[in-house]
Amino acid sequence: MLAGVLGGTAPAQATPVHAAAGGTAPACIERSYVNNADGGMQAWPYNNCGTTMRIRIIVHHWRDTSCQTVKDKHSGYFHTLGGEYDRTAVC
């Protein structure tokens, strides 16, 4: 039984590392964004996935945004003071 518990724990420990890297969000996350002329970006991803999603924006030449939970049929709002929108990722 202990081996089963430890075996079940290992994937859970590995998940945050994978989540930090974040694969590209599925197409059901509709992307809307603007790269500001003076630097930075704003993004309003809309969750149309049928379930709550955790997403972040990957930004070129700037720190990526924090991870946000976005409920189904809701939008998130992300912004940075520098960089440009690259992609939306899961986290």
Protein backbone atom coordinates (compact mmCIF):
# COMPACT_ATOMS: atom_id res chain seq x y z
CA MET A 1 0.00 0.00 0.00
CA LEU A 2 2.83 2.41 0.82
CA ALA A 3 4.35 1.86 -2.64
CA GLY A 4 0.98 2.71 -4.18
CA VAL A 5 0.81 5.92 -2.17
CA LEU A 6 4.35 6.88 -3.09
CA GLY A 7 3.70 5.99 -6.71
CA GLY A 8 0.62 8.23 -6.68
CA THR A 9 2.58 11.07 -5.12
CA ALA A 10 5.42 11.18 -7.66
CA PRO A 11 3.29 12.42 -10.60
CA ALA A 12 1.72 15.08 -8.38
CA GLN A 13 5.19 16.35 -7.46
CA ALA A 14 6.24 16.38 -11.11
CA THR A 15 3.13 18.30 -12.18
CA PRO A 16 4.12 21.76 -10.83
CA VAL A 17 7.43 21.61 -12.73
CA HIS A 18 5.60 20.76 -15.96
CA ALA A 19 2.91 23.34 -15.21
CA ALA A 20 5.57 26.03 -14.78
CA ALA A 21 6.86 25.28 -18.29
CA GLY A 22 3.30 25.33 -19.62
CA GLY A 23 2.26 23.93 -22.95
CA THR A 24 0.29 26.10 -25.31
CA ALA A 25 -3.32 26.48 -24.19
CA PRO A 26 -5.95 24.65 -26.25
CA ALA A 27 -7.92 26.40 -28.98
CA CYS A 28 -10.96 26.66 -26.69
CA ILE A 29 -9.08 29.53 -24.98
CA GLU A 30 -9.90 32.37 -27.36
CA ARG A 31 -7.04 34.87 -27.59
CA SER A 32 -7.46 38.64 -27.74
CA TYR A 33 -4.42 40.83 -27.15
CA VAL A 34 -2.78 44.13 -27.99
CA ASN A 35 0.93 44.91 -28.11
CA ASN A 36 1.24 48.51 -26.95
CA ALA A 37 3.25 50.84 -29.20
CA ASP A 38 5.24 52.14 -26.21
CA GLY A 39 5.97 48.62 -24.89
CA GLY A 40 4.02 46.07 -22.96
CA MET A 41 0.92 44.15 -23.82
CA GLN A 42 -2.64 43.52 -22.70
CA ALA A 43 -4.47 40.23 -23.17
CA TRP A 44 -8.07 39.15 -22.58
CA PRO A 45 -8.23 35.37 -23.08
CA TYR A 46 -11.77 33.94 -23.00
CA ASN A 47 -12.34 30.45 -21.63
CA ASN A 48 -14.75 28.48 -23.81
CA CYS A 49 -13.43 25.05 -22.73
CA GLY A 50 -16.39 23.83 -20.66
CA THR A 51 -14.27 23.72 -17.50
CA THR A 52 -12.17 26.05 -15.35
CA MET A 53 -8.66 26.54 -16.78
CA ARG A 54 -5.39 27.86 -15.33
CA ILE A 55 -3.51 29.96 -17.87
CA ARG A 56 -0.70 32.47 -18.19
CA ILE A 57 0.68 34.65 -20.97
CA ILE A 58 4.18 33.97 -22.27
CA VAL A 59 5.83 37.31 -23.11
CA HIS A 60 8.80 37.99 -25.44
CA HIS A 61 11.52 40.17 -23.89
CA TRP A 62 9.75 40.39 -20.52
CA ARG A 63 8.76 38.29 -17.54
CA ASP A 64 5.78 35.98 -18.21
CA THR A 65 2.55 36.77 -16.38
CA SER A 66 1.46 34.93 -13.27
CA CYS A 67 -0.91 31.99 -13.54
CA GLN A 68 -4.62 32.85 -13.28
CA THR A 69 -7.66 30.67 -12.86
CA VAL A 70 -10.31 31.52 -15.45
CA LYS A 71 -13.76 29.99 -15.05
CA ASP A 72 -15.63 28.59 -18.05
CA LYS A 73 -17.40 31.32 -20.06
CA HIS A 74 -15.28 34.05 -18.42
CA SER A 75 -12.31 36.19 -19.50
CA GLY A 76 -9.05 36.83 -17.75
CA TYR A 77 -7.04 40.04 -17.94
CA PHE A 78 -3.26 40.12 -18.17
CA HIS A 79 -0.92 43.05 -18.78
CA THR A 80 2.79 43.84 -18.71
CA LEU A 81 4.78 47.06 -18.83
CA GLY A 82 7.24 45.67 -21.38
CA GLY A 83 7.67 42.92 -23.93
CA GLU A 84 5.26 41.55 -26.51
CA TYR A 85 2.62 38.83 -26.49
CA ASP A 86 4.04 35.45 -27.48
CA ARG A 87 1.43 32.82 -26.60
CA THR A 88 -1.14 31.69 -24.05
CA ALA A 89 -0.06 28.69 -21.97
CA VAL A 90 -1.60 26.37 -19.42
CA CYS A 91 -0.15 26.28 -15.92
